[in-house]
Each structure stands twice: as C-alpha cells, then as structure tokens.
C-alpha cells in the first residue's frame, strides 16, 4: 500500500474541551438569535410553558450543495407529534427544536450555541460533520449528544456523546471482511489528507480478518472536482484479478457522488468490476437519485449499521411515520439518518422513563445515561449502554458501544440484505474484535 499511515491512537484522539460554562456570552446569544431561518422551533410544535414539557433539539444539514439530511429533523418532529398524541413520555410533552447546520463549521457551532441558549435537555438524533465545532459548546453547557450519525471521530471520544452505532470505523471494517471473501483485487479511493489516512487502516483490518491482502490505496485531493484518473487507476488494478471479480471502494464522503460520475464512464471498459462502499457515502436516497436499478450502484455491496428497511423490526418506526408524517417525502424509512434518529429518540424515551417523576434537566438525562441505563431497541441494535470507557478505548474509540454491521446489496435499485454467509457476515455481525486487532503500525 501507498500513502501515509497513522496509529489508531493518533488518529482518534480526544480533543481537550473547555469546562462547563456558567452562561452564554451576550455576543453568542445575539448571534444565535439572528439565526431564525437556520435554527429555531419547528412550525406546528408549541413551546411549553409548564414543567411538563421536555425540550430537545435535532439538527442536520439541509438545502446545501453537498450532504443533506432533511429526514432527520423531520423524523424528530413526527416522533414528537406521535408521543404527544399518546400522552407524552411519563407525562412529559416533548418539544422539538431543529437547526440547519448548513454543512459548515460555523453553522454547527451556531446550532450548538442555540441549544445551550434554549436550555435543551439533549441534542438527539442529529448529523453534522463538524464535531470540533459543536461538541465544545454542548459540553460547556452540560448537554448530552445522543445518537449522532457517527460521522465524526469526536462522537466516539467525547464524554457527553452517546453514540448508537459504530460510525465509519465499524462500517469500513465490516465492508473489508465481506469483500475479502467475494473480491479479487480491491482498490480503495480516498482523500489525500490526515483524516483520509485512517481509512486504509480500517478497511484493511476487515480484509485481514477475512484472510485478504491489503487494498490498493488511491489518493485524491480533498477538493477534487472530478476523479477520472483515480477511477481509471482503481478499475485497472481491480480488473487484474483472474479468479475473482475485483472491487472498487470509494470512501470520499460527500464527494462520492462526484467520483461516481467519473466511475460510471470509466467502468464501461471494466464491466466485471464490482462496487463496495458504506452507508454515509451512499444510502437509499442516493441510489434513487442516481437511477435506481439502472444506476451505477446496482449490484454494489454496502455495509450498514442496521437491518434493511424491509425488516419487521422497523414496524414501530413505520407506524409513527404513517400516523404523523404520511406523504412527507423527506422521511424515507430506508434512510440511515432517519433510522438513527428513531433509535436516538428511543434512547431519550428510556432515559425519561427512568427519571420518572424526577426533574428532567440536561444533568439528570446525562447522569441517567452514565449510571448504567440499558436501552433495548427491539433488536435494531444490541442493548445500548455507555460505560466510562468501552471495549474499544484502546484503539481510540472509548465511547463506541455498538460495533455491529450488516451487509446489504443493491438489488433492483433497493438495499436488501445480502445472502447469508458472504464474508462470514450472517445478519448482524459485531466488528469489535476486528477493530481491536486493527493494524496500528
């Protein structure tokens, strides 16, 4: 392999955070107050004036030229409507505020400051790529961050972060283990950056567990606007295998769509090469937008965190969507963001029920989560709980408590479960041991 390598402990270090703040500065309050278009109360949800209302926030990027996750705040609103229509949570009405982080660091920080200003008890089921910007304000205000999307390393290090999935680390390790059994030569295309340097380590940990050699490493500039050279080189290497079809793994985040434009054209000369990637780089909404069954993802292997949307374990979520958001095309039950928001609100509900008649504050929610609360998600994840340091603390993920992955395949334009036995992945597979044994040299 080529390219820079880092140890896992170097790649995933905890960033020092300031202590708990006693109050927001006047400037921060004024700044967030000007953001009524970006973060605020959801229309149709009335702010409560009594002690029976619990206020939370959900944020995600919307209306940007890159990553957009409108289904996450929409799912949060639908959940709140449903809960309130059925008597609340232990008598508490749920008020949801949302914020658009605009997919930039400034927007993420503004959302976090708004959460502190509004005195929310938690930020729940949210997506942002800018952990350095939002976690410090949340930690300063003592606000727990429940169920982020797993897109930032900080989500697996911050003591006030309560992740519900294994993020990109688990997905890449799981994908590597699956592809080891099904692919010949494997090409990884990833950013030429310090952050990108972590990706070969993770993918190769899964390949090694499956008895495969390391993937060939193809680097691209972070701000690339086209990837014809990388696509052609990756396909050439993948096509060299004689016994098994080769595979290409793009891991370019919100640039994956741009890569796929180049890949689609170059692939005409290498029709046997398959595609493998992870949720976060692609999901059902992207598959739909790129042509479904006739698009470039048809036949691709994709590692995910949860069972596919067709699984009966999602029936409760679908019931809420049908009752409270029927016809809302922002909410796709197959979208991993929507699913993560559902699971995160399941955690919040369990915490509020545990608090019971006690006072609901950010502190009480956080202490409840820290004091051994165990949350069942109906089999969508393992039982969730957050010890001070999880099993993967030694490789830089002290807050990762769920390293489960599923393997899915795009069939007729839909993400469905891959047949059992591919790469040793049968249904939901725990990647904790694979990550523990990752190459840290």
Protein backbone atom coordinates (compact mmCIF):
# COMPACT_ATOMS: atom_id res chain seq x y z
CA UNK A 1 0.00 0.00 0.00
CA UNK A 2 0.98 3.57 -0.60
CA UNK A 3 0.09 6.72 1.30
CA UNK A 4 0.61 7.89 4.86
CA UNK A 5 -0.41 5.70 7.80
CA UNK A 6 -1.19 6.66 11.37
CA UNK A 7 -1.67 4.66 14.53
CA UNK A 8 -5.24 4.26 15.68
CA UNK A 9 -4.44 6.06 18.93
CA UNK A 10 -3.07 9.01 16.96
CA UNK A 11 -5.93 9.11 14.51
CA UNK A 12 -8.70 9.04 17.09
CA UNK A 13 -7.50 11.15 19.96
CA UNK A 14 -9.78 13.03 22.28
CA UNK A 15 -9.77 16.78 21.79
CA UNK A 16 -9.48 18.76 25.04
CA UNK A 17 -12.72 20.54 25.88
CA UNK A 18 -13.37 23.60 27.99
CA UNK A 19 -15.03 23.27 31.35
CA UNK A 20 -18.70 23.81 31.99
CA UNK A 21 -19.72 27.37 31.21
CA UNK A 22 -21.90 29.28 33.64
CA UNK A 23 -23.62 31.36 30.98
CA UNK A 24 -23.54 32.19 27.31
CA UNK A 25 -21.86 35.43 26.39
CA UNK A 26 -24.10 38.22 25.22
CA UNK A 27 -22.44 38.06 21.82
CA UNK A 28 -23.22 34.35 21.42
CA UNK A 29 -26.84 34.92 22.40
CA UNK A 30 -27.19 37.78 19.95
CA UNK A 31 -25.54 35.76 17.23
CA UNK A 32 -27.83 32.77 17.62
CA UNK A 33 -30.90 34.97 17.96
CA UNK A 34 -30.26 36.17 14.42
CA UNK A 35 -30.50 32.66 13.03
CA UNK A 36 -34.25 32.27 12.91
CA UNK A 37 -34.02 30.85 9.40
CA UNK A 38 -31.37 28.33 10.37
CA UNK A 39 -32.31 27.09 13.80
CA UNK A 40 -35.49 27.52 15.75
CA UNK A 41 -38.73 25.96 16.77
CA UNK A 42 -40.45 23.69 14.30
CA UNK A 43 -43.71 25.10 12.93
CA UNK A 44 -46.65 23.31 14.48
CA UNK A 45 -44.88 22.46 17.75
CA UNK A 46 -45.92 24.84 20.50
CA UNK A 47 -43.39 25.79 23.13
CA UNK A 48 -44.46 24.58 26.54
CA UNK A 49 -44.75 26.95 29.45
CA UNK A 50 -45.16 24.36 32.17
CA UNK A 51 -42.79 21.95 33.84
CA UNK A 52 -44.32 19.02 31.95
CA UNK A 53 -42.59 19.93 28.67
CA UNK A 54 -39.19 18.50 27.79
CA UNK A 55 -37.27 20.47 25.20
CA UNK A 56 -34.70 18.83 22.90
CA UNK A 57 -33.01 19.71 19.62
CA UNK A 58 -32.27 17.80 16.40
CA UNK A 59 -30.02 19.26 13.71
CA UNK A 60 -28.86 18.30 10.25
CA UNK A 61 -27.68 19.98 7.04
CA UNK A 62 -30.43 20.98 4.62
CA UNK A 63 -30.58 22.80 1.28
CA UNK A 64 -26.82 22.62 0.68
CA UNK A 65 -24.81 21.71 -2.41
CA UNK A 66 -23.27 18.73 -0.60
CA UNK A 67 -24.65 16.50 2.18
CA UNK A 68 -28.32 16.95 3.11
CA UNK A 69 -30.22 15.06 5.80
CA UNK A 70 -33.69 16.68 5.99
CA UNK A 71 -35.27 13.40 7.03
CA UNK A 72 -33.61 13.50 10.45
CA UNK A 73 -35.30 16.66 11.83
CA UNK A 74 -38.49 15.62 10.04
CA UNK A 75 -38.39 12.25 11.80
CA UNK A 76 -37.81 14.01 15.13
CA UNK A 77 -40.88 16.16 14.59
CA UNK A 78 -43.00 13.17 13.63
CA UNK A 79 -41.82 11.31 16.74
CA UNK A 80 -42.69 14.25 18.99
CA UNK A 81 -46.16 14.56 17.47
CA UNK A 82 -46.76 10.86 17.94
CA UNK A 83 -45.50 10.80 21.52
CA UNK A 84 -47.55 13.85 22.48
CA UNK A 85 -50.67 12.40 20.87
CA UNK A 86 -50.26 9.34 23.08
CA UNK A 87 -49.85 11.12 26.41
CA UNK A 88 -46.19 12.08 26.24
CA UNK A 89 -43.31 10.30 27.96
CA UNK A 90 -44.13 9.61 31.61
CA UNK A 91 -46.49 12.56 31.43
CA UNK A 92 -43.98 14.88 29.78
CA UNK A 93 -44.80 16.57 26.49
CA UNK A 94 -41.90 16.61 24.06
CA UNK A 95 -40.92 19.84 22.31
CA UNK A 96 -38.51 19.56 19.38
CA UNK A 97 -36.37 22.42 18.13
CA UNK A 98 -34.40 21.97 14.93
CA UNK A 99 -31.38 23.63 13.40
CA UNK A 100 -29.79 23.61 9.95
CA UNK A 101 -26.00 23.46 10.28
CA UNK A 102 -25.68 24.26 6.54
CA UNK A 103 -22.91 21.66 6.34
CA UNK A 104 -20.26 24.04 7.66
CA UNK A 105 -18.36 24.56 10.88
CA UNK A 106 -19.84 27.98 11.64
CA UNK A 107 -23.37 26.66 11.23
CA UNK A 108 -22.65 23.69 13.50
CA UNK A 109 -21.31 25.96 16.24
CA UNK A 110 -24.35 28.23 15.94
CA UNK A 111 -26.69 25.27 16.32
CA UNK A 112 -24.87 24.13 19.45
CA UNK A 113 -24.98 27.61 20.97
CA UNK A 114 -28.69 27.83 20.21
CA UNK A 115 -29.21 24.51 22.02
CA UNK A 116 -27.43 25.92 25.07
CA UNK A 117 -29.36 29.20 24.89
CA UNK A 118 -32.67 27.33 24.68
CA UNK A 119 -31.68 25.14 27.65
CA UNK A 120 -32.49 21.89 25.88
CA UNK A 121 -32.00 18.70 27.87
CA UNK A 122 -30.31 16.87 24.95
CA UNK A 123 -29.41 17.06 21.29
CA UNK A 124 -30.91 13.92 19.79
CA UNK A 125 -30.56 12.00 16.53
CA UNK A 126 -28.51 14.60 14.67
CA UNK A 127 -25.99 14.83 11.83
CA UNK A 128 -23.03 17.16 11.49
CA UNK A 129 -19.53 16.65 10.12
CA UNK A 130 -18.06 19.29 12.43
CA UNK A 131 -17.58 17.71 15.83
CA UNK A 132 -14.85 20.19 16.80
CA UNK A 133 -17.38 22.99 16.34
CA UNK A 134 -20.45 21.65 18.13
CA UNK A 135 -19.19 19.38 20.91
CA UNK A 136 -17.31 22.07 22.82
CA UNK A 137 -20.37 24.34 23.24
CA UNK A 138 -22.51 21.34 24.19
CA UNK A 139 -20.02 20.09 26.73
CA UNK A 140 -19.61 23.59 28.12
CA UNK A 141 -23.36 23.67 28.77
CA UNK A 142 -23.50 20.07 30.01
CA UNK A 143 -25.84 18.94 27.20
CA UNK A 144 -25.67 15.27 26.16
CA UNK A 145 -25.38 14.45 22.46
CA UNK A 146 -27.47 11.31 21.95
CA UNK A 147 -27.27 9.34 18.75
CA UNK A 148 -25.17 11.33 16.34
CA UNK A 149 -24.78 9.86 12.87
CA UNK A 150 -21.28 8.58 13.66
CA UNK A 151 -19.68 10.75 11.01
CA UNK A 152 -17.06 12.39 13.26
CA UNK A 153 -14.31 10.81 15.36
CA UNK A 154 -15.23 13.14 18.23
CA UNK A 155 -18.52 11.28 18.64
CA UNK A 156 -16.51 8.28 19.86
CA UNK A 157 -14.29 10.21 22.26
CA UNK A 158 -16.40 12.93 23.92
CA UNK A 159 -17.69 12.01 27.37
CA UNK A 160 -21.04 13.68 26.68
CA UNK A 161 -21.52 11.80 23.42
CA UNK A 162 -23.78 8.74 23.45
CA UNK A 163 -23.45 7.12 20.00
CA UNK A 164 -25.90 4.44 18.93
CA UNK A 165 -23.88 2.99 16.04
CA UNK A 166 -20.25 2.29 15.16
CA UNK A 167 -19.88 5.07 12.61
CA UNK A 168 -17.45 4.81 9.73
CA UNK A 169 -14.90 2.66 11.63
CA UNK A 170 -17.30 -0.26 12.03
CA UNK A 171 -18.65 0.13 8.50
CA UNK A 172 -15.24 0.02 6.83
CA UNK A 173 -14.05 -2.92 8.92
CA UNK A 174 -17.26 -4.79 8.15
CA UNK A 175 -17.06 -3.98 4.46
CA UNK A 176 -13.47 -5.21 4.34
CA UNK A 177 -14.39 -8.50 5.97
CA UNK A 178 -17.23 -9.03 3.50
CA UNK A 179 -15.23 -8.11 0.41
CA UNK A 180 -12.35 -10.36 1.47
CA UNK A 181 -14.46 -13.39 0.60
CA UNK A 182 -16.06 -12.07 -2.58
CA UNK A 183 -13.50 -9.88 -4.34
CA UNK A 184 -10.17 -10.36 -6.05
CA UNK A 185 -8.05 -7.22 -6.18
CA UNK A 186 -9.53 -4.36 -4.17
CA UNK A 187 -8.94 -0.65 -4.81
CA UNK A 188 -9.67 1.99 -2.17
CA UNK A 189 -10.19 5.58 -3.35
CA UNK A 190 -9.99 8.09 -0.51
CA UNK A 191 -8.95 11.68 0.30
CA UNK A 192 -5.27 12.57 0.47
CA UNK A 193 -5.50 14.03 3.96
CA UNK A 194 -4.79 13.21 7.58
CA UNK A 195 -8.44 12.26 8.04
CA UNK A 196 -8.25 10.11 4.92
CA UNK A 197 -5.24 8.26 6.31
CA UNK A 198 -7.46 6.43 8.80
CA UNK A 199 -9.49 4.73 6.07
CA UNK A 200 -6.96 2.14 4.84
CA UNK A 201 -6.29 1.10 8.44
CA UNK A 202 -9.99 0.39 8.99
CA UNK A 203 -10.71 -1.29 5.67
CA UNK A 204 -7.56 -3.40 5.91
CA UNK A 205 -8.48 -4.58 9.41
CA UNK A 206 -11.56 -6.23 7.91
CA UNK A 207 -9.67 -7.57 4.90
CA UNK A 208 -7.05 -9.09 7.19
CA UNK A 209 -9.76 -10.72 9.32
CA UNK A 210 -11.11 -12.29 6.14
CA UNK A 211 -7.71 -13.54 5.00
CA UNK A 212 -7.25 -10.97 2.24
CA UNK A 213 -4.28 -8.78 1.42
CA UNK A 214 -4.47 -5.02 1.89
CA UNK A 215 -6.39 -2.89 -0.57
CA UNK A 216 -4.52 -0.81 -3.13
CA UNK A 217 -4.60 2.80 -1.94
CA UNK A 218 -5.60 5.53 -4.43
CA UNK A 219 -5.44 9.10 -3.13
CA UNK A 220 -7.34 12.14 -4.39
CA UNK A 221 -7.27 15.80 -3.45
CA UNK A 222 -9.90 16.71 -0.86
CA UNK A 223 -11.32 19.43 -3.09
CA UNK A 224 -11.24 17.46 -6.36
CA UNK A 225 -13.99 18.31 -8.82
CA UNK A 226 -13.51 15.18 -10.95
CA UNK A 227 -11.91 11.77 -10.46
CA UNK A 228 -11.28 10.35 -13.93
CA UNK A 229 -7.64 9.50 -13.19
CA UNK A 230 -8.41 7.84 -9.84
CA UNK A 231 -11.41 5.97 -11.25
CA UNK A 232 -9.40 4.58 -14.16
CA UNK A 233 -6.43 3.59 -11.99
CA UNK A 234 -8.66 1.93 -9.41
CA UNK A 235 -10.54 -0.01 -12.06
CA UNK A 236 -7.33 -1.10 -13.80
CA UNK A 237 -5.97 -2.57 -10.56
CA UNK A 238 -9.27 -4.22 -9.61
CA UNK A 239 -9.63 -5.80 -13.06
CA UNK A 240 -6.27 -7.61 -12.84
CA UNK A 241 -7.69 -10.44 -10.73
CA UNK A 242 -8.25 -13.69 -12.64
CA UNK A 243 -10.05 -15.91 -10.13
CA UNK A 244 -12.47 -13.40 -8.61
CA UNK A 245 -14.04 -10.18 -9.79
CA UNK A 246 -12.23 -7.14 -8.49
CA UNK A 247 -13.89 -4.44 -6.40
CA UNK A 248 -13.53 -0.68 -6.05
CA UNK A 249 -14.30 1.02 -2.73
CA UNK A 250 -14.89 4.80 -2.90
CA UNK A 251 -14.66 6.41 0.55
CA UNK A 252 -14.89 10.09 -0.29
CA UNK A 253 -17.75 11.26 1.91
CA UNK A 254 -19.82 13.95 0.26
CA UNK A 255 -17.54 13.79 -2.81
CA UNK A 256 -18.56 10.22 -3.55
CA UNK A 257 -21.27 11.39 -5.93
CA UNK A 258 -18.67 13.31 -7.92
CA UNK A 259 -16.44 10.24 -8.05
CA UNK A 260 -19.33 8.12 -9.27
CA UNK A 261 -19.75 10.37 -12.33
CA UNK A 262 -16.18 9.51 -13.33
CA UNK A 263 -16.54 5.88 -12.27
CA UNK A 264 -19.67 5.35 -14.38
CA UNK A 265 -17.85 6.46 -17.52
CA UNK A 266 -14.62 4.55 -16.84
CA UNK A 267 -16.43 1.37 -15.81
CA UNK A 268 -17.64 0.78 -19.37
CA UNK A 269 -14.20 -0.72 -20.06
CA UNK A 270 -14.27 -2.91 -16.93
CA UNK A 271 -17.83 -4.29 -16.67
CA UNK A 272 -16.85 -7.18 -14.36
CA UNK A 273 -15.58 -4.94 -11.56
CA UNK A 274 -17.98 -4.57 -8.62
CA UNK A 275 -18.50 -1.70 -6.24
CA UNK A 276 -18.38 -1.73 -2.47
CA UNK A 277 -18.99 1.19 -0.13
CA UNK A 278 -20.51 2.19 3.19
CA UNK A 279 -23.61 3.99 4.35
CA UNK A 280 -22.77 7.65 4.71
CA UNK A 281 -21.12 7.65 1.31
CA UNK A 282 -24.35 6.31 -0.19
CA UNK A 283 -27.83 5.46 1.07
CA UNK A 284 -31.21 4.64 -0.44
CA UNK A 285 -31.92 8.27 -1.29
CA UNK A 286 -28.66 8.49 -3.28
CA UNK A 287 -29.38 5.20 -5.03
CA UNK A 288 -32.81 6.51 -6.02
CA UNK A 289 -31.37 9.82 -7.26
CA UNK A 290 -28.72 8.13 -9.43
CA UNK A 291 -31.09 5.90 -11.36
CA UNK A 292 -32.01 3.06 -9.03
CA UNK A 293 -31.76 -0.29 -10.80
CA UNK A 294 -30.23 1.35 -13.89
CA UNK A 295 -27.72 3.39 -11.88
CA UNK A 296 -24.08 2.75 -11.01
CA UNK A 297 -24.85 1.25 -7.58
CA UNK A 298 -26.81 -1.73 -8.87
CA UNK A 299 -25.13 -4.88 -7.54
CA UNK A 300 -22.95 -2.92 -5.07
CA UNK A 301 -22.16 -4.28 -1.61
CA UNK A 302 -22.87 -1.71 1.10
CA UNK A 303 -22.17 -2.13 4.80
CA UNK A 304 -24.68 -0.58 7.18
CA UNK A 305 -25.40 -0.36 10.88
CA UNK A 306 -28.95 -1.65 11.00
CA UNK A 307 -31.22 -4.23 9.37
CA UNK A 308 -32.65 -3.19 5.97
CA UNK A 309 -35.86 -1.18 5.97
CA UNK A 310 -37.86 -4.25 4.94
CA UNK A 311 -37.09 -5.91 8.29
CA UNK A 312 -40.09 -6.28 10.61
CA UNK A 313 -38.12 -4.67 13.45
CA UNK A 314 -38.74 -1.29 11.85
CA UNK A 315 -42.54 -1.67 12.07
CA UNK A 316 -42.88 0.65 15.08
CA UNK A 317 -40.98 3.43 13.29
CA UNK A 318 -43.04 2.97 10.15
CA UNK A 319 -46.23 3.18 12.20
CA UNK A 320 -45.17 6.55 13.59
CA UNK A 321 -44.28 7.81 10.10
CA UNK A 322 -47.60 6.66 8.67
CA UNK A 323 -49.60 8.24 11.50
CA UNK A 324 -47.78 11.55 11.78
CA UNK A 325 -45.88 12.16 8.53
CA UNK A 326 -47.75 10.34 5.80
CA UNK A 327 -46.81 11.93 2.49
CA UNK A 328 -43.76 13.74 3.91
CA UNK A 329 -41.20 12.79 1.27
CA UNK A 330 -38.33 13.98 3.46
CA UNK A 331 -38.75 10.88 5.63
CA UNK A 332 -37.57 7.70 3.93
CA UNK A 333 -37.71 4.65 6.27
CA UNK A 334 -34.73 3.22 4.36
CA UNK A 335 -32.53 6.25 5.09
CA UNK A 336 -29.85 5.58 7.71
CA UNK A 337 -30.26 9.10 9.07
CA UNK A 338 -33.97 8.62 9.71
CA UNK A 339 -33.24 5.25 11.31
CA UNK A 340 -30.54 6.74 13.55
CA UNK A 341 -32.91 9.48 14.69
CA UNK A 342 -35.54 6.88 15.57
CA UNK A 343 -33.06 4.89 17.65
CA UNK A 344 -31.75 8.03 19.36
CA UNK A 345 -35.26 9.05 20.41
CA UNK A 346 -35.76 5.51 21.69
CA UNK A 347 -32.78 6.15 23.97
CA UNK A 348 -34.20 9.51 25.08
CA UNK A 349 -37.54 7.89 25.89
CA UNK A 350 -35.84 5.24 28.02
CA UNK A 351 -33.89 7.91 29.90
CA UNK A 352 -37.00 9.99 30.62
CA UNK A 353 -38.90 6.92 31.79
CA UNK A 354 -36.02 6.09 34.14
CA UNK A 355 -36.01 9.63 35.55
CA UNK A 356 -39.73 9.20 36.17
CA UNK A 357 -41.15 11.86 38.46
CA UNK A 358 -37.77 13.47 38.99
CA UNK A 359 -36.73 16.78 37.45
CA UNK A 360 -35.78 16.48 33.79
CA UNK A 361 -32.68 18.55 33.00
CA UNK A 362 -29.59 18.08 30.86
CA UNK A 363 -27.77 16.99 34.01
CA UNK A 364 -30.38 14.42 35.00
CA UNK A 365 -30.53 12.98 31.49
CA UNK A 366 -26.75 12.73 31.33
CA UNK A 367 -26.44 11.18 34.79
CA UNK A 368 -29.15 8.66 33.95
CA UNK A 369 -27.25 7.59 30.84
CA UNK A 370 -23.99 7.42 32.79
CA UNK A 371 -25.42 5.41 35.68
CA UNK A 372 -25.82 2.14 33.81
CA UNK A 373 -29.07 2.66 31.90
CA UNK A 374 -29.54 -0.18 29.43
CA UNK A 375 -31.72 0.53 26.40
CA UNK A 376 -33.40 -2.09 24.25
CA UNK A 377 -34.07 -1.05 20.65
CA UNK A 378 -36.13 -4.07 19.71
CA UNK A 379 -33.21 -5.85 18.07
CA UNK A 380 -32.22 -2.98 15.77
CA UNK A 381 -29.01 -2.69 17.78
CA UNK A 382 -27.58 -4.62 20.71
CA UNK A 383 -28.77 -3.39 24.10
CA UNK A 384 -27.17 0.02 24.42
CA UNK A 385 -25.34 1.32 27.47
CA UNK A 386 -22.40 3.67 27.90
CA UNK A 387 -19.69 2.78 30.41
CA UNK A 388 -16.97 5.32 31.12
CA UNK A 389 -14.75 3.54 28.62
CA UNK A 390 -15.97 0.91 26.18
CA UNK A 391 -14.17 -2.16 24.86
CA UNK A 392 -12.55 -0.16 22.04
CA UNK A 393 -10.96 2.51 24.21
CA UNK A 394 -7.53 1.02 23.49
CA UNK A 395 -7.79 1.84 19.77
CA UNK A 396 -9.19 5.33 20.23
CA UNK A 397 -12.97 4.73 20.44
CA UNK A 398 -13.82 4.90 24.17
CA UNK A 399 -17.47 5.82 23.54
CA UNK A 400 -18.19 3.21 20.86
CA UNK A 401 -20.59 0.70 22.40
CA UNK A 402 -22.11 -0.76 19.23
CA UNK A 403 -19.79 -2.06 16.50
CA UNK A 404 -22.48 -4.12 14.75
CA UNK A 405 -22.72 -4.04 10.96
CA UNK A 406 -25.00 -5.55 8.38
CA UNK A 407 -24.13 -6.33 4.77
CA UNK A 408 -26.59 -5.18 2.15
CA UNK A 409 -26.63 -5.31 -1.62
CA UNK A 410 -28.38 -3.09 -4.15
CA UNK A 411 -30.85 -5.33 -5.96
CA UNK A 412 -33.36 -3.91 -8.43
CA UNK A 413 -32.47 -0.48 -7.09
CA UNK A 414 -33.23 -1.35 -3.45
CA UNK A 415 -30.97 -2.01 -0.50
CA UNK A 416 -31.69 -5.55 0.69
CA UNK A 417 -29.86 -7.99 2.94
CA UNK A 418 -27.02 -9.79 1.22
CA UNK A 419 -27.31 -13.57 1.21
CA UNK A 420 -26.14 -15.16 4.42
CA UNK A 421 -22.56 -16.24 4.63
CA UNK A 422 -20.93 -13.58 2.46
CA UNK A 423 -17.61 -12.74 4.07
CA UNK A 424 -18.64 -14.53 7.23
CA UNK A 425 -21.26 -11.85 7.84
CA UNK A 426 -24.52 -13.51 8.84
CA UNK A 427 -27.23 -10.97 9.59
CA UNK A 428 -25.85 -8.53 12.15
CA UNK A 429 -22.13 -9.01 12.87
CA UNK A 430 -20.15 -7.49 15.75
CA UNK A 431 -16.89 -5.96 14.49
CA UNK A 432 -15.46 -5.20 17.94
CA UNK A 433 -12.74 -7.88 17.79
CA UNK A 434 -11.80 -6.92 14.23
CA UNK A 435 -11.31 -3.29 15.27
CA UNK A 436 -9.36 -4.36 18.37
CA UNK A 437 -6.95 -6.19 16.08
CA UNK A 438 -6.59 -3.36 13.58
CA UNK A 439 -3.12 -2.71 12.15
CA UNK A 440 -1.70 0.09 14.27
CA UNK A 441 1.80 0.10 12.86
